[in-house]
Amino acid sequence: MTGQSGTPSEMPAAVALSPLGLAGYQDGSVVSRTLLKRGGGTITFFTFDAGQGLSEHTAPFDAVAHVLEGEAEITISGTAVLVAAGEMVLMPANQPHALGARTRFKMLLTMIRSV
């Protein structure tokens, strides 16, 4: 998934990809890679090193976090949810949420832009 200039680009059409190999872990960091960005929404791949996270914030659209590897604690409107590999959770629009890595984890975040 590299553009002509050698920089990452969106995922190609009609090509099977393994999401776990899209990005590696970086010590002490959160890594994100946009896979698809359209008017109707986005799909972003994330890796979180253990102990890393995203502080509480809100988004104007629904988002689904699908954990592919490891374990995350996702807090939505004050309710903590442990999400393990193979599980997903809905983060409703306009509700505060935060993510924390219980272990290193990888996830796909699908944001649905709707009115």
N, C-alpha and C. Protein backbone atom coordinates (compact mmCIF):
# COMPACT_ATOMS: atom_id res chain seq x y z
N MET A 1 0.83 -1.18 0.00
CA MET A 1 0.00 0.00 0.00
C MET A 1 0.88 1.24 0.00
N THR A 2 1.61 1.42 -1.05
CA THR A 2 2.48 2.56 -1.16
C THR A 2 2.17 3.30 -2.44
N GLY A 3 2.06 4.62 -2.35
CA GLY A 3 1.82 5.44 -3.53
C GLY A 3 3.07 5.53 -4.38
N GLN A 4 2.96 6.19 -5.54
CA GLN A 4 4.07 6.30 -6.46
C GLN A 4 5.27 7.01 -5.85
N SER A 5 5.03 7.90 -4.89
CA SER A 5 6.13 8.64 -4.26
C SER A 5 6.76 7.85 -3.11
N GLY A 6 6.23 6.62 -2.84
CA GLY A 6 6.77 5.82 -1.75
C GLY A 6 6.10 6.08 -0.42
N THR A 7 5.07 6.92 -0.39
CA THR A 7 4.37 7.21 0.85
C THR A 7 3.12 6.34 0.93
N PRO A 8 2.66 6.03 2.15
CA PRO A 8 1.48 5.19 2.30
C PRO A 8 0.26 5.83 1.65
N SER A 9 -0.59 4.99 1.08
CA SER A 9 -1.82 5.46 0.46
C SER A 9 -2.98 4.60 0.96
N GLU A 10 -4.18 4.90 0.47
CA GLU A 10 -5.33 4.09 0.84
C GLU A 10 -5.16 2.67 0.34
N MET A 11 -5.95 1.78 0.92
CA MET A 11 -5.86 0.38 0.51
C MET A 11 -6.33 0.24 -0.94
N PRO A 12 -5.69 -0.64 -1.69
CA PRO A 12 -6.07 -0.84 -3.09
C PRO A 12 -7.36 -1.63 -3.21
N ALA A 13 -8.05 -1.43 -4.31
CA ALA A 13 -9.27 -2.19 -4.58
C ALA A 13 -8.91 -3.58 -5.10
N ALA A 14 -9.78 -4.53 -4.83
CA ALA A 14 -9.68 -5.89 -5.36
C ALA A 14 -8.37 -6.59 -5.01
N VAL A 15 -7.84 -6.30 -3.81
CA VAL A 15 -6.63 -6.96 -3.32
C VAL A 15 -6.89 -7.42 -1.90
N ALA A 16 -6.67 -8.71 -1.63
CA ALA A 16 -6.85 -9.23 -0.27
C ALA A 16 -5.66 -8.81 0.59
N LEU A 17 -5.95 -8.25 1.75
CA LEU A 17 -4.91 -7.79 2.68
C LEU A 17 -5.15 -8.38 4.06
N SER A 18 -4.08 -8.64 4.78
CA SER A 18 -4.19 -9.03 6.18
C SER A 18 -4.03 -7.76 7.01
N PRO A 19 -5.06 -7.34 7.73
CA PRO A 19 -4.95 -6.07 8.46
C PRO A 19 -3.85 -6.05 9.52
N LEU A 20 -3.55 -7.21 10.12
CA LEU A 20 -2.55 -7.22 11.20
C LEU A 20 -1.16 -6.80 10.70
N GLY A 21 -0.89 -6.94 9.42
CA GLY A 21 0.41 -6.58 8.89
C GLY A 21 0.50 -5.16 8.35
N LEU A 22 -0.55 -4.38 8.49
CA LEU A 22 -0.57 -3.04 7.90
C LEU A 22 0.36 -2.05 8.61
N ALA A 23 0.60 -2.26 9.88
CA ALA A 23 1.51 -1.39 10.64
C ALA A 23 1.98 -2.14 11.87
N GLY A 24 3.22 -1.90 12.25
CA GLY A 24 3.78 -2.53 13.43
C GLY A 24 3.63 -1.65 14.65
N TYR A 25 3.95 -2.23 15.79
CA TYR A 25 3.95 -1.47 17.04
C TYR A 25 5.19 -0.59 17.10
N GLN A 26 5.04 0.56 17.75
CA GLN A 26 6.18 1.43 18.04
C GLN A 26 6.19 1.65 19.54
N ASP A 27 7.34 1.43 20.17
CA ASP A 27 7.45 1.57 21.62
C ASP A 27 6.94 2.93 22.09
N GLY A 28 6.05 2.91 23.07
CA GLY A 28 5.55 4.13 23.68
C GLY A 28 4.68 4.98 22.79
N SER A 29 4.11 4.38 21.73
CA SER A 29 3.37 5.19 20.75
C SER A 29 2.05 4.57 20.33
N VAL A 30 1.25 5.44 19.73
CA VAL A 30 0.04 5.05 19.01
C VAL A 30 0.31 5.35 17.55
N VAL A 31 0.05 4.39 16.67
CA VAL A 31 0.25 4.56 15.24
C VAL A 31 -1.11 4.46 14.56
N SER A 32 -1.37 5.35 13.61
CA SER A 32 -2.62 5.26 12.86
C SER A 32 -2.33 5.34 11.37
N ARG A 33 -3.17 4.66 10.62
CA ARG A 33 -3.04 4.65 9.16
C ARG A 33 -4.43 4.64 8.56
N THR A 34 -4.77 5.67 7.79
CA THR A 34 -6.07 5.74 7.14
C THR A 34 -6.08 4.78 5.96
N LEU A 35 -7.06 3.88 5.97
CA LEU A 35 -7.18 2.89 4.91
C LEU A 35 -8.17 3.32 3.84
N LEU A 36 -9.20 4.02 4.26
CA LEU A 36 -10.24 4.46 3.34
C LEU A 36 -10.87 5.73 3.89
N LYS A 37 -11.00 6.73 3.03
CA LYS A 37 -11.62 7.98 3.46
C LYS A 37 -12.57 8.43 2.36
N ARG A 38 -13.85 8.45 2.72
CA ARG A 38 -14.91 8.83 1.78
C ARG A 38 -15.86 9.77 2.50
N GLY A 39 -16.75 10.39 1.74
CA GLY A 39 -17.74 11.29 2.33
C GLY A 39 -18.61 10.60 3.35
N GLY A 40 -18.86 9.30 3.17
CA GLY A 40 -19.72 8.55 4.07
C GLY A 40 -19.03 8.01 5.30
N GLY A 41 -17.70 8.11 5.35
CA GLY A 41 -17.00 7.62 6.52
C GLY A 41 -15.55 7.28 6.25
N THR A 42 -14.90 6.76 7.29
CA THR A 42 -13.49 6.40 7.19
C THR A 42 -13.25 5.06 7.86
N ILE A 43 -12.17 4.39 7.42
CA ILE A 43 -11.67 3.20 8.09
C ILE A 43 -10.20 3.48 8.39
N THR A 44 -9.85 3.39 9.66
CA THR A 44 -8.48 3.68 10.09
C THR A 44 -7.95 2.51 10.90
N PHE A 45 -6.71 2.13 10.63
CA PHE A 45 -6.03 1.05 11.35
C PHE A 45 -5.16 1.69 12.40
N PHE A 46 -5.20 1.16 13.63
CA PHE A 46 -4.41 1.69 14.75
C PHE A 46 -3.60 0.57 15.39
N THR A 47 -2.41 0.93 15.88
CA THR A 47 -1.67 0.08 16.81
C THR A 47 -1.39 0.92 18.06
N PHE A 48 -1.54 0.31 19.22
CA PHE A 48 -1.29 0.96 20.51
C PHE A 48 -0.26 0.13 21.26
N ASP A 49 0.80 0.75 21.72
CA ASP A 49 1.73 0.06 22.61
C ASP A 49 1.05 -0.06 23.97
N ALA A 50 1.43 -1.05 24.76
CA ALA A 50 0.85 -1.25 26.09
C ALA A 50 0.98 0.03 26.91
N GLY A 51 -0.11 0.40 27.58
CA GLY A 51 -0.11 1.59 28.41
C GLY A 51 -0.44 2.87 27.67
N GLN A 52 -0.51 2.83 26.36
CA GLN A 52 -0.83 4.02 25.58
C GLN A 52 -2.34 4.12 25.40
N GLY A 53 -2.81 5.27 24.93
CA GLY A 53 -4.24 5.43 24.73
C GLY A 53 -4.58 6.74 24.07
N LEU A 54 -5.86 6.97 23.97
CA LEU A 54 -6.40 8.23 23.48
C LEU A 54 -7.25 8.80 24.60
N SER A 55 -7.01 10.05 24.97
CA SER A 55 -7.75 10.67 26.06
C SER A 55 -9.21 10.88 25.66
N GLU A 56 -10.03 11.13 26.67
CA GLU A 56 -11.46 11.28 26.45
C GLU A 56 -11.73 12.40 25.45
N HIS A 57 -12.62 12.10 24.51
CA HIS A 57 -13.01 13.06 23.48
C HIS A 57 -14.38 12.64 22.96
N THR A 58 -14.98 13.48 22.14
CA THR A 58 -16.24 13.13 21.49
C THR A 58 -16.04 13.27 19.99
N ALA A 59 -16.90 12.60 19.25
CA ALA A 59 -16.90 12.69 17.79
C ALA A 59 -18.36 12.88 17.36
N PRO A 60 -18.58 13.60 16.28
CA PRO A 60 -19.95 13.87 15.85
C PRO A 60 -20.60 12.70 15.13
N PHE A 61 -19.90 11.57 14.99
CA PHE A 61 -20.41 10.43 14.24
C PHE A 61 -20.22 9.14 15.02
N ASP A 62 -21.07 8.14 14.74
CA ASP A 62 -20.88 6.81 15.31
C ASP A 62 -19.57 6.23 14.82
N ALA A 63 -18.93 5.44 15.68
CA ALA A 63 -17.70 4.74 15.30
C ALA A 63 -17.72 3.35 15.92
N VAL A 64 -17.19 2.38 15.18
CA VAL A 64 -17.08 1.01 15.66
C VAL A 64 -15.59 0.68 15.78
N ALA A 65 -15.17 0.28 16.97
CA ALA A 65 -13.79 -0.16 17.21
C ALA A 65 -13.78 -1.68 17.20
N HIS A 66 -13.02 -2.26 16.28
CA HIS A 66 -12.90 -3.72 16.15
C HIS A 66 -11.47 -4.10 16.49
N VAL A 67 -11.29 -4.72 17.66
CA VAL A 67 -9.96 -5.10 18.12
C VAL A 67 -9.54 -6.39 17.40
N LEU A 68 -8.38 -6.33 16.76
CA LEU A 68 -7.87 -7.46 15.98
C LEU A 68 -6.85 -8.29 16.74
N GLU A 69 -6.15 -7.66 17.69
CA GLU A 69 -5.08 -8.32 18.44
C GLU A 69 -4.95 -7.60 19.77
N GLY A 70 -4.73 -8.35 20.85
CA GLY A 70 -4.54 -7.74 22.17
C GLY A 70 -5.84 -7.39 22.86
N GLU A 71 -5.73 -6.48 23.85
CA GLU A 71 -6.89 -6.06 24.64
C GLU A 71 -6.88 -4.56 24.86
N ALA A 72 -8.06 -3.97 24.71
CA ALA A 72 -8.24 -2.54 24.95
C ALA A 72 -9.31 -2.33 26.01
N GLU A 73 -9.17 -1.24 26.76
CA GLU A 73 -10.24 -0.80 27.62
C GLU A 73 -10.80 0.47 26.98
N ILE A 74 -12.06 0.41 26.59
CA ILE A 74 -12.72 1.54 25.94
C ILE A 74 -13.80 2.04 26.88
N THR A 75 -13.68 3.29 27.27
CA THR A 75 -14.65 3.88 28.20
C THR A 75 -15.58 4.78 27.40
N ILE A 76 -16.88 4.50 27.51
CA ILE A 76 -17.90 5.25 26.77
C ILE A 76 -18.88 5.82 27.77
N SER A 77 -18.96 7.14 27.83
CA SER A 77 -19.86 7.82 28.77
C SER A 77 -19.70 7.28 30.18
N GLY A 78 -18.45 7.06 30.60
CA GLY A 78 -18.15 6.62 31.95
C GLY A 78 -18.21 5.12 32.19
N THR A 79 -18.63 4.34 31.19
CA THR A 79 -18.69 2.89 31.33
C THR A 79 -17.49 2.25 30.65
N ALA A 80 -16.66 1.54 31.42
CA ALA A 80 -15.48 0.88 30.87
C ALA A 80 -15.87 -0.48 30.30
N VAL A 81 -15.39 -0.75 29.09
CA VAL A 81 -15.66 -2.01 28.40
C VAL A 81 -14.32 -2.62 28.01
N LEU A 82 -14.08 -3.86 28.44
CA LEU A 82 -12.88 -4.57 28.03
C LEU A 82 -13.18 -5.23 26.68
N VAL A 83 -12.38 -4.90 25.68
CA VAL A 83 -12.60 -5.41 24.33
C VAL A 83 -11.35 -6.21 23.92
N ALA A 84 -11.54 -7.50 23.68
CA ALA A 84 -10.43 -8.40 23.34
C ALA A 84 -10.42 -8.67 21.84
N ALA A 85 -9.33 -9.28 21.38
CA ALA A 85 -9.19 -9.64 19.98
C ALA A 85 -10.43 -10.37 19.48
N GLY A 86 -10.93 -9.95 18.34
CA GLY A 86 -12.11 -10.56 17.75
C GLY A 86 -13.41 -9.90 18.17
N GLU A 87 -13.35 -8.96 19.11
CA GLU A 87 -14.56 -8.27 19.58
C GLU A 87 -14.58 -6.83 19.08
N MET A 88 -15.79 -6.25 19.08
CA MET A 88 -15.93 -4.86 18.67
C MET A 88 -16.97 -4.18 19.54
N VAL A 89 -16.92 -2.85 19.53
CA VAL A 89 -17.84 -2.06 20.35
C VAL A 89 -18.21 -0.79 19.59
N LEU A 90 -19.47 -0.37 19.77
CA LEU A 90 -19.96 0.86 19.17
C LEU A 90 -19.70 2.03 20.12
N MET A 91 -19.11 3.08 19.59
CA MET A 91 -18.95 4.34 20.32
C MET A 91 -19.92 5.33 19.68
N PRO A 92 -21.06 5.58 20.32
CA PRO A 92 -22.09 6.42 19.71
C PRO A 92 -21.63 7.87 19.54
N ALA A 93 -22.20 8.50 18.53
CA ALA A 93 -21.92 9.91 18.25
C ALA A 93 -22.20 10.77 19.47
N ASN A 94 -21.37 11.76 19.67
CA ASN A 94 -21.54 12.80 20.69
C ASN A 94 -21.48 12.28 22.13
N GLN A 95 -21.00 11.06 22.34
CA GLN A 95 -20.80 10.55 23.69
C GLN A 95 -19.30 10.48 23.97
N PRO A 96 -18.85 10.98 25.11
CA PRO A 96 -17.41 10.96 25.39
C PRO A 96 -16.88 9.54 25.49
N HIS A 97 -15.70 9.35 24.91
CA HIS A 97 -15.07 8.04 24.96
C HIS A 97 -13.56 8.20 25.01
N ALA A 98 -12.91 7.16 25.53
CA ALA A 98 -11.45 7.12 25.64
C ALA A 98 -11.01 5.68 25.42
N LEU A 99 -9.77 5.51 24.96
CA LEU A 99 -9.23 4.18 24.72
C LEU A 99 -7.92 4.02 25.46
N GLY A 100 -7.71 2.84 26.04
CA GLY A 100 -6.46 2.54 26.72
C GLY A 100 -6.02 1.13 26.39
N ALA A 101 -4.72 0.94 26.21
CA ALA A 101 -4.16 -0.37 25.88
C ALA A 101 -3.85 -1.15 27.13
N ARG A 102 -4.62 -2.20 27.41
CA ARG A 102 -4.31 -3.10 28.53
C ARG A 102 -3.08 -3.93 28.17
N THR A 103 -2.99 -4.30 26.90
CA THR A 103 -1.81 -4.93 26.31
C THR A 103 -1.60 -4.20 24.98
N ARG A 104 -0.52 -4.49 24.30
CA ARG A 104 -0.41 -3.97 22.93
C ARG A 104 -1.65 -4.44 22.18
N PHE A 105 -2.23 -3.54 21.39
CA PHE A 105 -3.38 -4.00 20.59
C PHE A 105 -3.44 -3.28 19.25
N LYS A 106 -4.11 -3.97 18.32
CA LYS A 106 -4.36 -3.42 16.99
C LYS A 106 -5.86 -3.41 16.77
N MET A 107 -6.35 -2.36 16.10
CA MET A 107 -7.78 -2.28 15.85
C MET A 107 -8.06 -1.57 14.54
N LEU A 108 -9.24 -1.86 14.01
CA LEU A 108 -9.80 -1.10 12.91
C LEU A 108 -10.89 -0.21 13.49
N LEU A 109 -10.87 1.05 13.12
CA LEU A 109 -11.90 2.00 13.53
C LEU A 109 -12.68 2.41 12.29
N THR A 110 -13.97 2.12 12.32
CA THR A 110 -14.85 2.50 11.21
C THR A 110 -15.76 3.62 11.69
N MET A 111 -15.62 4.80 11.08
CA MET A 111 -16.45 5.94 11.44
C MET A 111 -17.49 6.13 10.36
N ILE A 112 -18.75 6.19 10.78
CA ILE A 112 -19.88 6.35 9.85
C ILE A 112 -20.34 7.80 9.92
N ARG A 113 -20.15 8.52 8.85
CA ARG A 113 -20.59 9.92 8.80
C ARG A 113 -22.03 9.96 8.31
N SER A 114 -22.92 10.32 9.21
CA SER A 114 -24.33 10.42 8.84
C SER A 114 -24.94 11.62 9.54
N VAL A 115 -26.06 12.05 9.05
CA VAL A 115 -26.73 13.20 9.65
C VAL A 115 -27.99 12.78 10.34
